[in-house]
PDB file of all heavy atoms in Angstrom:
ATOM      1  N   GLY A   1      53.524  -0.339   9.348  1.00  0.00           N
ATOM      2  CA  GLY A   1      52.342   0.249   9.944  1.00  0.00           C
ATOM      3  C   GLY A   1      51.117   0.289   9.066  1.00  0.00           C
ATOM      4  O   GLY A   1      50.041   0.679   9.522  1.00  0.00           O
ATOM      5  N   GLY A   2      51.260  -0.094   7.803  1.00  0.00           N
ATOM      6  CA  GLY A   2      50.113  -0.099   6.920  1.00  0.00           C
ATOM      7  C   GLY A   2      49.129  -1.182   7.285  1.00  0.00           C
ATOM      8  O   GLY A   2      49.391  -2.041   8.119  1.00  0.00           O
ATOM      9  N   GLY A   3      47.979  -1.132   6.642  1.00  0.00           N
ATOM     10  CA  GLY A   3      46.952  -2.115   6.904  1.00  0.00           C
ATOM     11  C   GLY A   3      45.652  -1.741   6.242  1.00  0.00           C
ATOM     12  O   GLY A   3      45.601  -0.830   5.415  1.00  0.00           O
ATOM     13  N   LEU A   4      44.615  -2.450   6.624  1.00  0.00           N
ATOM     14  CA  LEU A   4      43.275  -2.233   6.083  1.00  0.00           C
ATOM     15  C   LEU A   4      42.425  -1.515   7.116  1.00  0.00           C
ATOM     16  O   LEU A   4      42.288  -1.985   8.252  1.00  0.00           O
ATOM     17  CB  LEU A   4      42.628  -3.569   5.707  1.00  0.00           C
ATOM     18  CG  LEU A   4      41.172  -3.537   5.269  1.00  0.00           C
ATOM     19  CD1 LEU A   4      41.026  -2.740   3.974  1.00  0.00           C
ATOM     20  CD2 LEU A   4      40.650  -4.955   5.093  1.00  0.00           C
ATOM     21  N   VAL A   5      41.869  -0.379   6.730  1.00  0.00           N
ATOM     22  CA  VAL A   5      40.999   0.386   7.619  1.00  0.00           C
ATOM     23  C   VAL A   5      39.783   0.862   6.845  1.00  0.00           C
ATOM     24  O   VAL A   5      39.797   0.945   5.616  1.00  0.00           O
ATOM     25  CB  VAL A   5      41.714   1.601   8.239  1.00  0.00           C
ATOM     26  CG1 VAL A   5      42.877   1.156   9.113  1.00  0.00           C
ATOM     27  CG2 VAL A   5      42.191   2.549   7.148  1.00  0.00           C
ATOM     28  N   GLN A   6      38.732   1.189   7.577  1.00  0.00           N
ATOM     29  CA  GLN A   6      37.546   1.753   6.967  1.00  0.00           C
ATOM     30  C   GLN A   6      37.697   3.256   6.805  1.00  0.00           C
ATOM     31  O   GLN A   6      38.481   3.893   7.510  1.00  0.00           O
ATOM     32  CB  GLN A   6      36.307   1.449   7.809  1.00  0.00           C
ATOM     33  CG  GLN A   6      35.926  -0.018   7.850  1.00  0.00           C
ATOM     34  CD  GLN A   6      34.615  -0.251   8.563  1.00  0.00           C
ATOM     35  OE1 GLN A   6      34.095   0.628   9.241  1.00  0.00           O
ATOM     36  NE2 GLN A   6      34.064  -1.445   8.407  1.00  0.00           N
ATOM     37  N   ALA A   7      36.968   3.813   5.857  1.00  0.00           N
ATOM     38  CA  ALA A   7      36.983   5.252   5.663  1.00  0.00           C
ATOM     39  C   ALA A   7      36.688   5.963   6.975  1.00  0.00           C
ATOM     40  O   ALA A   7      35.797   5.565   7.728  1.00  0.00           O
ATOM     41  CB  ALA A   7      35.969   5.653   4.600  1.00  0.00           C
ATOM     42  N   GLY A   8      37.453   7.010   7.244  1.00  0.00           N
ATOM     43  CA  GLY A   8      37.311   7.742   8.488  1.00  0.00           C
ATOM     44  C   GLY A   8      38.234   7.260   9.583  1.00  0.00           C
ATOM     45  O   GLY A   8      38.379   7.929  10.614  1.00  0.00           O
ATOM     46  N   GLY A   9      38.876   6.131   9.366  1.00  0.00           N
ATOM     47  CA  GLY A   9      39.773   5.571  10.353  1.00  0.00           C
ATOM     48  C   GLY A   9      41.150   6.185  10.305  1.00  0.00           C
ATOM     49  O   GLY A   9      41.413   7.116   9.543  1.00  0.00           O
ATOM     50  N   SER A  10      42.041   5.637  11.119  1.00  0.00           N
ATOM     51  CA  SER A  10      43.392   6.175  11.241  1.00  0.00           C
ATOM     52  C   SER A  10      44.434   5.079  11.189  1.00  0.00           C
ATOM     53  O   SER A  10      44.177   3.933  11.560  1.00  0.00           O
ATOM     54  CB  SER A  10      43.551   6.934  12.569  1.00  0.00           C
ATOM     55  OG  SER A  10      42.668   8.034  12.657  1.00  0.00           O
ATOM     56  N   LEU A  11      45.607   5.445  10.729  1.00  0.00           N
ATOM     57  CA  LEU A  11      46.774   4.582  10.748  1.00  0.00           C
ATOM     58  C   LEU A  11      47.992   5.431  11.052  1.00  0.00           C
ATOM     59  O   LEU A  11      48.022   6.621  10.727  1.00  0.00           O
ATOM     60  CB  LEU A  11      46.983   3.874   9.406  1.00  0.00           C
ATOM     61  CG  LEU A  11      46.109   2.671   9.060  1.00  0.00           C
ATOM     62  CD1 LEU A  11      46.398   2.232   7.629  1.00  0.00           C
ATOM     63  CD2 LEU A  11      46.363   1.520  10.028  1.00  0.00           C
ATOM     64  N   ARG A  12      48.987   4.820  11.642  1.00  0.00           N
ATOM     65  CA  ARG A  12      50.252   5.493  11.892  1.00  0.00           C
ATOM     66  C   ARG A  12      51.364   4.691  11.243  1.00  0.00           C
ATOM     67  O   ARG A  12      51.632   3.557  11.632  1.00  0.00           O
ATOM     68  CB  ARG A  12      50.524   5.633  13.381  1.00  0.00           C
ATOM     69  CG  ARG A  12      51.738   6.498  13.711  1.00  0.00           C
ATOM     70  CD  ARG A  12      51.997   6.502  15.198  1.00  0.00           C
ATOM     71  NE  ARG A  12      52.997   7.482  15.598  1.00  0.00           N
ATOM     72  CZ  ARG A  12      53.975   7.248  16.463  1.00  0.00           C
ATOM     73  NH1 ARG A  12      54.076   6.052  17.033  1.00  0.00           N
ATOM     74  NH2 ARG A  12      54.831   8.206  16.775  1.00  0.00           N
ATOM     75  N   LEU A  13      51.996   5.282  10.255  1.00  0.00           N
ATOM     76  CA  LEU A  13      53.084   4.634   9.550  1.00  0.00           C
ATOM     77  C   LEU A  13      54.418   5.013  10.179  1.00  0.00           C
ATOM     78  O   LEU A  13      54.581   6.110  10.697  1.00  0.00           O
ATOM     79  CB  LEU A  13      53.094   5.039   8.075  1.00  0.00           C
ATOM     80  CG  LEU A  13      51.786   4.857   7.300  1.00  0.00           C
ATOM     81  CD1 LEU A  13      52.002   5.223   5.840  1.00  0.00           C
ATOM     82  CD2 LEU A  13      51.259   3.441   7.439  1.00  0.00           C
ATOM     83  N   SER A  14      55.365   4.091  10.102  1.00  0.00           N
ATOM     84  CA  SER A  14      56.704   4.338  10.600  1.00  0.00           C
ATOM     85  C   SER A  14      57.711   4.056   9.506  1.00  0.00           C
ATOM     86  O   SER A  14      57.496   3.196   8.657  1.00  0.00           O
ATOM     87  CB  SER A  14      57.014   3.448  11.813  1.00  0.00           C
ATOM     88  OG  SER A  14      56.157   3.731  12.895  1.00  0.00           O
ATOM     89  N   CYS A  15      58.796   4.775   9.530  1.00  0.00           N
ATOM     90  CA  CYS A  15      59.889   4.571   8.589  1.00  0.00           C
ATOM     91  C   CYS A  15      61.189   4.587   9.367  1.00  0.00           C
ATOM     92  O   CYS A  15      61.550   5.619   9.947  1.00  0.00           O
ATOM     93  CB  CYS A  15      59.899   5.664   7.520  1.00  0.00           C
ATOM     94  SG  CYS A  15      61.390   5.702   6.496  1.00  0.00           S
ATOM     95  N   ALA A  16      61.865   3.459   9.369  1.00  0.00           N
ATOM     96  CA  ALA A  16      63.164   3.355  10.013  1.00  0.00           C
ATOM     97  C   ALA A  16      64.240   3.489   8.951  1.00  0.00           C
ATOM     98  O   ALA A  16      64.231   2.758   7.961  1.00  0.00           O
ATOM     99  CB  ALA A  16      63.298   2.026  10.745  1.00  0.00           C
ATOM    100  N   ALA A  17      65.150   4.408   9.149  1.00  0.00           N
ATOM    101  CA  ALA A  17      66.205   4.671   8.186  1.00  0.00           C
ATOM    102  C   ALA A  17      67.565   4.482   8.833  1.00  0.00           C
ATOM    103  O   ALA A  17      67.763   4.816  10.000  1.00  0.00           O
ATOM    104  CB  ALA A  17      66.086   6.085   7.627  1.00  0.00           C
ATOM    105  N   SER A  18      68.488   3.954   8.062  1.00  0.00           N
ATOM    106  CA  SER A  18      69.829   3.711   8.564  1.00  0.00           C
ATOM    107  C   SER A  18      70.785   4.808   8.130  1.00  0.00           C
ATOM    108  O   SER A  18      70.499   5.583   7.214  1.00  0.00           O
ATOM    109  CB  SER A  18      70.339   2.356   8.077  1.00  0.00           C
ATOM    110  OG  SER A  18      70.501   2.353   6.665  1.00  0.00           O
ATOM    111  N   GLY A  19      71.933   4.846   8.785  1.00  0.00           N
ATOM    112  CA  GLY A  19      72.989   5.751   8.395  1.00  0.00           C
ATOM    113  C   GLY A  19      72.815   7.162   8.906  1.00  0.00           C
ATOM    114  O   GLY A  19      71.787   7.510   9.499  1.00  0.00           O
ATOM    115  N   ARG A  20      73.815   7.959   8.642  1.00  0.00           N
ATOM    116  CA  ARG A  20      73.798   9.348   9.086  1.00  0.00           C
ATOM    117  C   ARG A  20      72.869  10.210   8.255  1.00  0.00           C
ATOM    118  O   ARG A  20      72.520  11.314   8.667  1.00  0.00           O
ATOM    119  CB  ARG A  20      75.216   9.920   9.038  1.00  0.00           C
ATOM    120  CG  ARG A  20      76.201   9.229   9.962  1.00  0.00           C
ATOM    121  CD  ARG A  20      77.605   9.756   9.761  1.00  0.00           C
ATOM    122  NE  ARG A  20      77.706  11.176  10.059  1.00  0.00           N
ATOM    123  CZ  ARG A  20      78.785  11.921   9.834  1.00  0.00           C
ATOM    124  NH1 ARG A  20      79.862  11.368   9.299  1.00  0.00           N
ATOM    125  NH2 ARG A  20      78.782  13.213  10.145  1.00  0.00           N
ATOM    126  N   THR A  21      72.493   9.713   7.085  1.00  0.00           N
ATOM    127  CA  THR A  21      71.635  10.478   6.196  1.00  0.00           C
ATOM    128  C   THR A  21      70.333  10.882   6.868  1.00  0.00           C
ATOM    129  O   THR A  21      69.823  11.984   6.658  1.00  0.00           O
ATOM    130  CB  THR A  21      71.335   9.688   4.913  1.00  0.00           C
ATOM    131  OG1 THR A  21      72.558   9.388   4.245  1.00  0.00           O
ATOM    132  CG2 THR A  21      70.440  10.491   3.974  1.00  0.00           C
ATOM    133  N   PHE A  22      69.798  10.000   7.692  1.00  0.00           N
ATOM    134  CA  PHE A  22      68.532  10.277   8.341  1.00  0.00           C
ATOM    135  C   PHE A  22      68.569  11.564   9.144  1.00  0.00           C
ATOM    136  O   PHE A  22      67.656  12.391   9.063  1.00  0.00           O
ATOM    137  CB  PHE A  22      68.127   9.111   9.240  1.00  0.00           C
ATOM    138  CG  PHE A  22      66.820   9.322   9.932  1.00  0.00           C
ATOM    139  CD1 PHE A  22      65.621   8.997   9.314  1.00  0.00           C
ATOM    140  CD2 PHE A  22      66.774   9.862  11.208  1.00  0.00           C
ATOM    141  CE1 PHE A  22      64.410   9.197   9.945  1.00  0.00           C
ATOM    142  CE2 PHE A  22      65.568  10.069  11.853  1.00  0.00           C
ATOM    143  CZ  PHE A  22      64.379   9.735  11.214  1.00  0.00           C
ATOM    144  N   SER A  23      69.607  11.732   9.929  1.00  0.00           N
ATOM    145  CA  SER A  23      69.697  12.903  10.783  1.00  0.00           C
ATOM    146  C   SER A  23      70.249  14.122  10.065  1.00  0.00           C
ATOM    147  O   SER A  23      70.204  15.227  10.605  1.00  0.00           O
ATOM    148  CB  SER A  23      70.541  12.601  12.028  1.00  0.00           C
ATOM    149  OG  SER A  23      71.854  12.208  11.669  1.00  0.00           O
ATOM    150  N   SER A  24      70.766  13.927   8.865  1.00  0.00           N
ATOM    151  CA  SER A  24      71.380  15.017   8.122  1.00  0.00           C
ATOM    152  C   SER A  24      70.445  15.706   7.143  1.00  0.00           C
ATOM    153  O   SER A  24      70.733  16.815   6.699  1.00  0.00           O
ATOM    154  CB  SER A  24      72.598  14.500   7.352  1.00  0.00           C
ATOM    155  OG  SER A  24      73.579  13.978   8.229  1.00  0.00           O
ATOM    156  N   TYR A  25      69.351  15.065   6.816  1.00  0.00           N
ATOM    157  CA  TYR A  25      68.452  15.577   5.793  1.00  0.00           C
ATOM    158  C   TYR A  25      67.003  15.579   6.243  1.00  0.00           C
ATOM    159  O   TYR A  25      66.630  14.893   7.193  1.00  0.00           O
ATOM    160  CB  TYR A  25      68.565  14.739   4.521  1.00  0.00           C
ATOM    161  CG  TYR A  25      69.890  14.849   3.817  1.00  0.00           C
ATOM    162  CD1 TYR A  25      70.878  13.902   4.025  1.00  0.00           C
ATOM    163  CD2 TYR A  25      70.135  15.901   2.941  1.00  0.00           C
ATOM    164  CE1 TYR A  25      72.098  14.001   3.375  1.00  0.00           C
ATOM    165  CE2 TYR A  25      71.354  16.008   2.282  1.00  0.00           C
ATOM    166  CZ  TYR A  25      72.330  15.049   2.500  1.00  0.00           C
ATOM    167  OH  TYR A  25      73.535  15.142   1.855  1.00  0.00           O
ATOM    168  N   ALA A  26      66.228  16.343   5.515  1.00  0.00           N
ATOM    169  CA  ALA A  26      64.789  16.246   5.666  1.00  0.00           C
ATOM    170  C   ALA A  26      64.340  14.856   5.219  1.00  0.00           C
ATOM    171  O   ALA A  26      65.055  14.157   4.500  1.00  0.00           O
ATOM    172  CB  ALA A  26      64.101  17.317   4.821  1.00  0.00           C
ATOM    173  N   MET A  27      63.156  14.454   5.662  1.00  0.00           N
ATOM    174  CA  MET A  27      62.594  13.180   5.265  1.00  0.00           C
ATOM    175  C   MET A  27      61.180  13.389   4.752  1.00  0.00           C
ATOM    176  O   MET A  27      60.497  14.333   5.161  1.00  0.00           O
ATOM    177  CB  MET A  27      62.576  12.193   6.429  1.00  0.00           C
ATOM    178  CG  MET A  27      63.949  11.750   6.903  1.00  0.00           C
ATOM    179  SD  MET A  27      64.818  10.721   5.677  1.00  0.00           S
ATOM    180  CE  MET A  27      63.801   9.238   5.692  1.00  0.00           C
ATOM    181  N   GLY A  28      60.777  12.516   3.864  1.00  0.00           N
ATOM    182  CA  GLY A  28      59.458  12.668   3.284  1.00  0.00           C
ATOM    183  C   GLY A  28      58.731  11.353   3.116  1.00  0.00           C
ATOM    184  O   GLY A  28      59.323  10.272   3.163  1.00  0.00           O
ATOM    185  N   TRP A  29      57.431  11.465   2.948  1.00  0.00           N
ATOM    186  CA  TRP A  29      56.570  10.341   2.622  1.00  0.00           C
ATOM    187  C   TRP A  29      55.999  10.536   1.233  1.00  0.00           C
ATOM    188  O   TRP A  29      55.634  11.660   0.851  1.00  0.00           O
ATOM    189  CB  TRP A  29      55.420  10.208   3.621  1.00  0.00           C
ATOM    190  CG  TRP A  29      55.818   9.619   4.941  1.00  0.00           C
ATOM    191  CD1 TRP A  29      56.129  10.287   6.077  1.00  0.00           C
ATOM    192  CD2 TRP A  29      55.920   8.226   5.250  1.00  0.00           C
ATOM    193  NE1 TRP A  29      56.432   9.407   7.080  1.00  0.00           N
ATOM    194  CE2 TRP A  29      56.310   8.136   6.601  1.00  0.00           C
ATOM    195  CE3 TRP A  29      55.724   7.051   4.514  1.00  0.00           C
ATOM    196  CZ2 TRP A  29      56.505   6.908   7.239  1.00  0.00           C
ATOM    197  CZ3 TRP A  29      55.925   5.834   5.153  1.00  0.00           C
ATOM    198  CH2 TRP A  29      56.308   5.775   6.495  1.00  0.00           C
ATOM    199  N   PHE A  30      55.903   9.448   0.497  1.00  0.00           N
ATOM    200  CA  PHE A  30      55.349   9.427  -0.838  1.00  0.00           C
ATOM    201  C   PHE A  30      54.393   8.254  -0.943  1.00  0.00           C
ATOM    202  O   PHE A  30      54.417   7.358  -0.111  1.00  0.00           O
ATOM    203  CB  PHE A  30      56.465   9.298  -1.888  1.00  0.00           C
ATOM    204  CG  PHE A  30      57.512  10.376  -1.784  1.00  0.00           C
ATOM    205  CD1 PHE A  30      58.518  10.299  -0.835  1.00  0.00           C
ATOM    206  CD2 PHE A  30      57.479  11.475  -2.628  1.00  0.00           C
ATOM    207  CE1 PHE A  30      59.479  11.289  -0.727  1.00  0.00           C
ATOM    208  CE2 PHE A  30      58.437  12.477  -2.531  1.00  0.00           C
ATOM    209  CZ  PHE A  30      59.432  12.385  -1.581  1.00  0.00           C
ATOM    210  N   ARG A  31      53.568   8.249  -1.954  1.00  0.00           N
ATOM    211  CA  ARG A  31      52.655   7.122  -2.118  1.00  0.00           C
ATOM    212  C   ARG A  31      52.384   6.873  -3.585  1.00  0.00           C
ATOM    213  O   ARG A  31      52.520   7.759  -4.420  1.00  0.00           O
ATOM    214  CB  ARG A  31      51.332   7.368  -1.379  1.00  0.00           C
ATOM    215  CG  ARG A  31      50.475   8.485  -1.966  1.00  0.00           C
ATOM    216  CD  ARG A  31      49.259   8.740  -1.096  1.00  0.00           C
ATOM    217  NE  ARG A  31      48.396   9.770  -1.641  1.00  0.00           N
ATOM    218  CZ  ARG A  31      47.323  10.255  -1.029  1.00  0.00           C
ATOM    219  NH1 ARG A  31      46.984   9.789   0.172  1.00  0.00           N
ATOM    220  NH2 ARG A  31      46.592  11.202  -1.604  1.00  0.00           N
ATOM    221  N   GLN A  32      51.999   5.646  -3.880  1.00  0.00           N
ATOM    222  CA  GLN A  32      51.657   5.271  -5.238  1.00  0.00           C
ATOM    223  C   GLN A  32      50.403   4.416  -5.212  1.00  0.00           C
ATOM    224  O   GLN A  32      50.401   3.307  -4.676  1.00  0.00           O
ATOM    225  CB  GLN A  32      52.798   4.513  -5.909  1.00  0.00           C
ATOM    226  CG  GLN A  32      52.550   4.246  -7.387  1.00  0.00           C
ATOM    227  CD  GLN A  32      53.804   3.816  -8.119  1.00  0.00           C
ATOM    228  OE1 GLN A  32      54.750   3.325  -7.513  1.00  0.00           O
ATOM    229  NE2 GLN A  32      53.817   4.013  -9.426  1.00  0.00           N
ATOM    230  N   ALA A  33      49.352   4.947  -5.782  1.00  0.00           N
ATOM    231  CA  ALA A  33      48.086   4.240  -5.878  1.00  0.00           C
ATOM    232  C   ALA A  33      48.077   3.388  -7.140  1.00  0.00           C
ATOM    233  O   ALA A  33      48.809   3.668  -8.091  1.00  0.00           O
ATOM    234  CB  ALA A  33      46.928   5.230  -5.901  1.00  0.00           C
ATOM    235  N   PRO A  34      47.240   2.357  -7.181  1.00  0.00           N
ATOM    236  CA  PRO A  34      47.169   1.506  -8.367  1.00  0.00           C
ATOM    237  C   PRO A  34      46.879   2.311  -9.628  1.00  0.00           C
ATOM    238  O   PRO A  34      45.951   3.116  -9.661  1.00  0.00           O
ATOM    239  CB  PRO A  34      46.013   0.554  -8.048  1.00  0.00           C
ATOM    240  CG  PRO A  34      45.997   0.489  -6.555  1.00  0.00           C
ATOM    241  CD  PRO A  34      46.348   1.882  -6.110  1.00  0.00           C
ATOM    242  N   GLY A  35      47.700   2.112 -10.648  1.00  0.00           N
ATOM    243  CA  GLY A  35      47.491   2.785 -11.909  1.00  0.00           C
ATOM    244  C   GLY A  35      47.880   4.249 -11.933  1.00  0.00           C
ATOM    245  O   GLY A  35      47.636   4.928 -12.937  1.00  0.00           O
ATOM    246  N   LYS A  36      48.480   4.750 -10.870  1.00  0.00           N
ATOM    247  CA  LYS A  36      48.852   6.154 -10.799  1.00  0.00           C
ATOM    248  C   LYS A  36      50.349   6.305 -10.549  1.00  0.00           C
ATOM    249  O   LYS A  36      51.020   5.376 -10.112  1.00  0.00           O
ATOM    250  CB  LYS A  36      48.071   6.870  -9.694  1.00  0.00           C
ATOM    251  CG  LYS A  36      46.566   6.865  -9.878  1.00  0.00           C
ATOM    252  CD  LYS A  36      45.857   7.596  -8.762  1.00  0.00           C
ATOM    253  CE  LYS A  36      46.174   9.078  -8.778  1.00  0.00           C
ATOM    254  NZ  LYS A  36      45.417   9.815  -7.715  1.00  0.00           N
ATOM    255  N   GLU A  37      50.855   7.483 -10.836  1.00  0.00           N
ATOM    256  CA  GLU A  37      52.253   7.781 -10.589  1.00  0.00           C
ATOM    257  C   GLU A  37      52.500   7.988  -9.107  1.00  0.00           C
ATOM    258  O   GLU A  37      51.601   8.386  -8.356  1.00  0.00           O
ATOM    259  CB  GLU A  37      52.678   9.024 -11.367  1.00  0.00           C
ATOM    260  CG  GLU A  37      52.615   8.879 -12.877  1.00  0.00           C
ATOM    261  CD  GLU A  37      53.619   7.883 -13.390  1.00  0.00           C
ATOM    262  OE1 GLU A  37      54.792   7.924 -12.945  1.00  0.00           O
ATOM    263  OE2 GLU A  37      53.253   7.049 -14.229  1.00  0.00           O
ATOM    264  N   ARG A  38      53.710   7.717  -8.683  1.00  0.00           N
ATOM    265  CA  ARG A  38      54.082   7.979  -7.306  1.00  0.00           C
ATOM    266  C   ARG A  38      54.022   9.486  -7.055  1.00  0.00           C
ATOM    267  O   ARG A  38      54.411  10.282  -7.911  1.00  0.00           O
ATOM    268  CB  ARG A  38      55.487   7.442  -7.037  1.00  0.00           C
ATOM    269  CG  ARG A  38      55.850   7.368  -5.562  1.00  0.00           C
ATOM    270  CD  ARG A  38      57.083   6.491  -5.363  1.00  0.00           C
ATOM    271  NE  ARG A  38      56.844   5.132  -5.814  1.00  0.00           N
ATOM    272  CZ  ARG A  38      57.742   4.163  -5.758  1.00  0.00           C
ATOM    273  NH1 ARG A  38      58.947   4.389  -5.264  1.00  0.00           N
ATOM    274  NH2 ARG A  38      57.426   2.952  -6.205  1.00  0.00           N
ATOM    275  N   GLU A  39      53.530   9.880  -5.886  1.00  0.00           N
ATOM    276  CA  GLU A  39      53.349  11.282  -5.597  1.00  0.00           C
ATOM    277  C   GLU A  39      53.834  11.648  -4.200  1.00  0.00           C
ATOM    278  O   GLU A  39      53.864  10.823  -3.290  1.00  0.00           O
ATOM    279  CB  GLU A  39      51.874  11.681  -5.744  1.00  0.00           C
ATOM    280  CG  GLU A  39      50.958  11.011  -4.739  1.00  0.00           C
ATOM    281  CD  GLU A  39      49.515  11.447  -4.872  1.00  0.00           C
ATOM    282  OE1 GLU A  39      49.219  12.334  -5.694  1.00  0.00           O
ATOM    283  OE2 GLU A  39      48.661  10.902  -4.143  1.00  0.00           O
ATOM    284  N   PHE A  40      54.165  12.900  -4.049  1.00  0.00           N
ATOM    285  CA  PHE A  40      54.590  13.440  -2.776  1.00  0.00           C
ATOM    286  C   PHE A  40      53.418  13.535  -1.817  1.00  0.00           C
ATOM    287  O   PHE A  40      52.309  13.898  -2.211  1.00  0.00           O
ATOM    288  CB  PHE A  40      55.199  14.826  -2.990  1.00  0.00           C
ATOM    289  CG  PHE A  40      55.320  15.637  -1.737  1.00  0.00           C
ATOM    290  CD1 PHE A  40      56.327  15.389  -0.825  1.00  0.00           C
ATOM    291  CD2 PHE A  40      54.417  16.655  -1.471  1.00  0.00           C
ATOM    292  CE1 PHE A  40      56.440  16.141   0.338  1.00  0.00           C
ATOM    293  CE2 PHE A  40      54.520  17.415  -0.322  1.00  0.00           C
ATOM    294  CZ  PHE A  40      55.535  17.152   0.581  1.00  0.00           C
ATOM    295  N   VAL A  41      53.670  13.225  -0.554  1.00  0.00           N
ATOM    296  CA  VAL A  41      52.644  13.298   0.475  1.00  0.00           C
ATOM    297  C   VAL A  41      52.997  14.320   1.552  1.00  0.00           C
ATOM    298  O   VAL A  41      52.206  15.207   1.872  1.00  0.00           O
ATOM    299  CB  VAL A  41      52.404  11.926   1.130  1.00  0.00           C
ATOM    300  CG1 VAL A  41      51.421  12.051   2.293  1.00  0.00           C
ATOM    301  CG2 VAL A  41      51.881  10.937   0.098  1.00  0.00           C
ATOM    302  N   ALA A  42      54.182  14.191   2.144  1.00  0.00           N
ATOM    303  CA  ALA A  42      54.566  15.067   3.241  1.00  0.00           C
ATOM    304  C   ALA A  42      56.073  15.092   3.394  1.00  0.00           C
ATOM    305  O   ALA A  42      56.758  14.131   3.044  1.00  0.00           O
ATOM    306  CB  ALA A  42      53.921  14.611   4.554  1.00  0.00           C
ATOM    307  N   ARG A  43      56.582  16.178   3.924  1.00  0.00           N
ATOM    308  CA  ARG A  43      58.011  16.309   4.176  1.00  0.00           C
ATOM    309  C   ARG A  43      58.229  17.021   5.494  1.00  0.00           C
ATOM    310  O   ARG A  43      57.466  17.908   5.870  1.00  0.00           O
ATOM    311  CB  ARG A  43      58.700  17.081   3.050  1.00  0.00           C
ATOM    312  CG  ARG A  43      60.212  17.222   3.223  1.00  0.00           C
ATOM    313  CD  ARG A  43      60.870  17.831   2.005  1.00  0.00           C
ATOM    314  NE  ARG A  43      60.507  19.232   1.811  1.00  0.00           N
ATOM    315  CZ  ARG A  43      61.006  19.994   0.848  1.00  0.00           C
ATOM    316  NH1 ARG A  43      61.890  19.489  -0.006  1.00  0.00           N
ATOM    317  NH2 ARG A  43      60.619  21.247   0.729  1.00  0.00           N
ATOM    318  N   ILE A  44      59.309  16.650   6.180  1.00  0.00           N
ATOM    319  CA  ILE A  44      59.664  17.274   7.440  1.00  0.00           C
ATOM    320  C   ILE A  44      61.149  17.589   7.443  1.00  0.00           C
ATOM    321  O   ILE A  44      61.967  16.802   6.976  1.00  0.00           O
ATOM    322  CB  ILE A  44      59.274  16.368   8.634  1.00  0.00           C
ATOM    323  CG1 ILE A  44      59.489  17.093   9.966  1.00  0.00           C
ATOM    324  CG2 ILE A  44      60.048  15.050   8.592  1.00  0.00           C
ATOM    325  CD1 ILE A  44      58.874  16.366  11.150  1.00  0.00           C
TER     326      ILE A  44
END
């Protein structure tokens, strides 16, 4: 779901996960910008 957008725009990312783990645990999104450490974004 990633892509190139202009500031102020929107994107919807998707994550497909296999196995029973998906339904058994919380899930989260993380991101890593160029030259920066990977960081937490959101969890559900």
